Amino acid sequence: MGTYKYSAEFRADAVALARSSGRPVSRVAAELGVNHETLRQWIKTAEKAARPEAVAESAKDAEFAALRKQVRELEMERDILRRAAKYFAGETNW
């Protein structure tokens, strides 16, 4: 099975047709010769793009996740350095 690349214009037209027709997405997709899940993804992407606050929220969520990961890494490095300092200081109780 091959993968197909559709132009941005075709995607936009397909989304507009699906929104305006009032017919089920699966029927519109069948008429266009596109997989219905592909058309659903295009619609979902278009809806996200239409709501800039949702894009900003997802960007914030991604930034928070990256910062949490960085905090975990820094805490791990700190703990390793503490253990190394205790070891080289001659303290064996960790």
C-alpha atoms as a PDB file:
ATOM      1  CA  MET A   1       0.000   0.000   0.000  1.00  0.00           C
ATOM      2  CA  GLY A   2       1.442   3.347  -0.963  1.00  0.00           C
ATOM      3  CA  THR A   3       1.205   6.637   0.774  1.00  0.00           C
ATOM      4  CA  TYR A   4      -0.302   9.546  -1.085  1.00  0.00           C
ATOM      5  CA  LYS A   5       0.524  13.230  -0.804  1.00  0.00           C
ATOM      6  CA  TYR A   6      -2.375  15.587  -1.246  1.00  0.00           C
ATOM      7  CA  SER A   7      -1.902  19.260  -1.993  1.00  0.00           C
ATOM      8  CA  ALA A   8      -2.771  21.842   0.626  1.00  0.00           C
ATOM      9  CA  GLU A   9      -5.455  23.210  -1.694  1.00  0.00           C
ATOM     10  CA  PHE A  10      -7.082  19.777  -2.022  1.00  0.00           C
ATOM     11  CA  ARG A  11      -7.030  19.325   1.752  1.00  0.00           C
ATOM     12  CA  ALA A  12      -8.589  22.737   2.355  1.00  0.00           C
ATOM     13  CA  ASP A  13     -11.297  22.083  -0.248  1.00  0.00           C
ATOM     14  CA  ALA A  14     -12.033  18.654   1.234  1.00  0.00           C
ATOM     15  CA  VAL A  15     -12.341  20.105   4.744  1.00  0.00           C
ATOM     16  CA  ALA A  16     -14.618  22.891   3.497  1.00  0.00           C
ATOM     17  CA  LEU A  17     -16.789  20.379   1.666  1.00  0.00           C
ATOM     18  CA  ALA A  18     -17.049  18.108   4.701  1.00  0.00           C
ATOM     19  CA  ARG A  19     -17.995  21.018   6.949  1.00  0.00           C
ATOM     20  CA  SER A  20     -20.521  22.603   4.617  1.00  0.00           C
ATOM     21  CA  SER A  21     -22.233  19.531   3.185  1.00  0.00           C
ATOM     22  CA  GLY A  22     -23.834  18.238   6.392  1.00  0.00           C
ATOM     23  CA  ARG A  23     -23.107  14.699   5.225  1.00  0.00           C
ATOM     24  CA  PRO A  24     -21.084  12.200   7.255  1.00  0.00           C
ATOM     25  CA  VAL A  25     -17.329  12.531   6.943  1.00  0.00           C
ATOM     26  CA  SER A  26     -17.016   8.938   5.786  1.00  0.00           C
ATOM     27  CA  ARG A  27     -19.375   9.570   2.856  1.00  0.00           C
ATOM     28  CA  VAL A  28     -17.561  12.744   1.776  1.00  0.00           C
ATOM     29  CA  ALA A  29     -14.238  10.919   2.051  1.00  0.00           C
ATOM     30  CA  ALA A  30     -15.541   8.057  -0.106  1.00  0.00           C
ATOM     31  CA  GLU A  31     -16.728  10.513  -2.760  1.00  0.00           C
ATOM     32  CA  LEU A  32     -13.312  12.186  -2.801  1.00  0.00           C
ATOM     33  CA  GLY A  33     -11.409   8.887  -2.818  1.00  0.00           C
ATOM     34  CA  VAL A  34      -9.714   9.619   0.513  1.00  0.00           C
ATOM     35  CA  ASN A  35      -9.580   7.460   3.608  1.00  0.00           C
ATOM     36  CA  HIS A  36     -12.197   8.683   6.103  1.00  0.00           C
ATOM     37  CA  GLU A  37      -9.679   8.810   8.965  1.00  0.00           C
ATOM     38  CA  THR A  38      -7.370  10.934   6.830  1.00  0.00           C
ATOM     39  CA  LEU A  39     -10.187  13.412   6.227  1.00  0.00           C
ATOM     40  CA  ARG A  40     -11.022  13.424   9.954  1.00  0.00           C
ATOM     41  CA  GLN A  41      -7.395  14.282  10.739  1.00  0.00           C
ATOM     42  CA  TRP A  42      -7.459  17.109   8.213  1.00  0.00           C
ATOM     43  CA  ILE A  43     -10.621  18.481   9.821  1.00  0.00           C
ATOM     44  CA  LYS A  44      -9.112  18.215  13.297  1.00  0.00           C
ATOM     45  CA  THR A  45      -5.953  20.005  12.144  1.00  0.00           C
ATOM     46  CA  ALA A  46      -8.016  22.756  10.518  1.00  0.00           C
ATOM     47  CA  GLU A  47     -10.028  23.226  13.708  1.00  0.00           C
ATOM     48  CA  LYS A  48      -6.841  23.544  15.759  1.00  0.00           C
ATOM     49  CA  ALA A  49      -5.447  26.083  13.321  1.00  0.00           C
ATOM     50  CA  ALA A  50      -8.671  28.091  13.569  1.00  0.00           C
ATOM     51  CA  ARG A  51      -8.271  28.382  17.350  1.00  0.00           C
ATOM     52  CA  PRO A  52      -5.012  30.206  18.121  1.00  0.00           C
ATOM     53  CA  GLU A  53      -5.561  29.843  21.867  1.00  0.00           C
ATOM     54  CA  ALA A  54      -5.480  26.048  21.482  1.00  0.00           C
ATOM     55  CA  VAL A  55      -2.160  26.283  19.662  1.00  0.00           C
ATOM     56  CA  ALA A  56      -0.801  28.518  22.414  1.00  0.00           C
ATOM     57  CA  GLU A  57      -2.008  26.062  25.074  1.00  0.00           C
ATOM     58  CA  SER A  58      -0.397  23.108  23.319  1.00  0.00           C
ATOM     59  CA  ALA A  59       2.836  25.088  23.024  1.00  0.00           C
ATOM     60  CA  LYS A  60       2.693  25.833  26.750  1.00  0.00           C
ATOM     61  CA  ASP A  61       2.031  22.172  27.534  1.00  0.00           C
ATOM     62  CA  ALA A  62       5.018  21.136  25.420  1.00  0.00           C
ATOM     63  CA  GLU A  63       7.195  23.712  27.162  1.00  0.00           C
ATOM     64  CA  PHE A  64       6.046  22.512  30.591  1.00  0.00           C
ATOM     65  CA  ALA A  65       6.834  18.914  29.653  1.00  0.00           C
ATOM     66  CA  ALA A  66      10.303  19.903  28.463  1.00  0.00           C
ATOM     67  CA  LEU A  67      10.939  21.861  31.657  1.00  0.00           C
ATOM     68  CA  ARG A  68       9.772  18.959  33.836  1.00  0.00           C
ATOM     69  CA  LYS A  69      12.157  16.653  31.974  1.00  0.00           C
ATOM     70  CA  GLN A  70      15.001  19.109  32.475  1.00  0.00           C
ATOM     71  CA  VAL A  71      14.233  19.360  36.205  1.00  0.00           C
ATOM     72  CA  ARG A  72      14.322  15.553  36.530  1.00  0.00           C
ATOM     73  CA  GLU A  73      17.682  15.420  34.747  1.00  0.00           C
ATOM     74  CA  LEU A  74      19.148  18.178  36.905  1.00  0.00           C
ATOM     75  CA  GLU A  75      17.911  16.510  40.105  1.00  0.00           C
ATOM     76  CA  MET A  76      19.494  13.245  39.009  1.00  0.00           C
ATOM     77  CA  GLU A  77      22.797  14.991  38.269  1.00  0.00           C
ATOM     78  CA  ARG A  78      22.676  16.715  41.651  1.00  0.00           C
ATOM     79  CA  ASP A  79      22.081  13.408  43.438  1.00  0.00           C
ATOM     80  CA  ILE A  80      24.981  11.776  41.596  1.00  0.00           C
ATOM     81  CA  LEU A  81      27.292  14.629  42.546  1.00  0.00           C
ATOM     82  CA  ARG A  82      26.207  14.418  46.205  1.00  0.00           C
ATOM     83  CA  ARG A  83      26.903  10.695  46.283  1.00  0.00           C
ATOM     84  CA  ALA A  84      30.283  11.200  44.640  1.00  0.00           C
ATOM     85  CA  ALA A  85      31.189  13.920  47.137  1.00  0.00           C
ATOM     86  CA  LYS A  86      30.247  11.668  50.057  1.00  0.00           C
ATOM     87  CA  TYR A  87      32.216   8.775  48.588  1.00  0.00           C
ATOM     88  CA  PHE A  88      35.371  10.796  48.058  1.00  0.00           C
ATOM     89  CA  ALA A  89      35.007  12.419  51.474  1.00  0.00           C
ATOM     90  CA  GLY A  90      35.171   8.962  53.019  1.00  0.00           C
ATOM     91  CA  GLU A  91      31.568   8.756  54.166  1.00  0.00           C
ATOM     92  CA  THR A  92      30.144   5.365  53.331  1.00  0.00           C
ATOM     93  CA  ASN A  93      26.596   5.850  54.697  1.00  0.00           C
ATOM     94  CA  TRP A  94      24.371   6.891  51.847  1.00  0.00           C
END
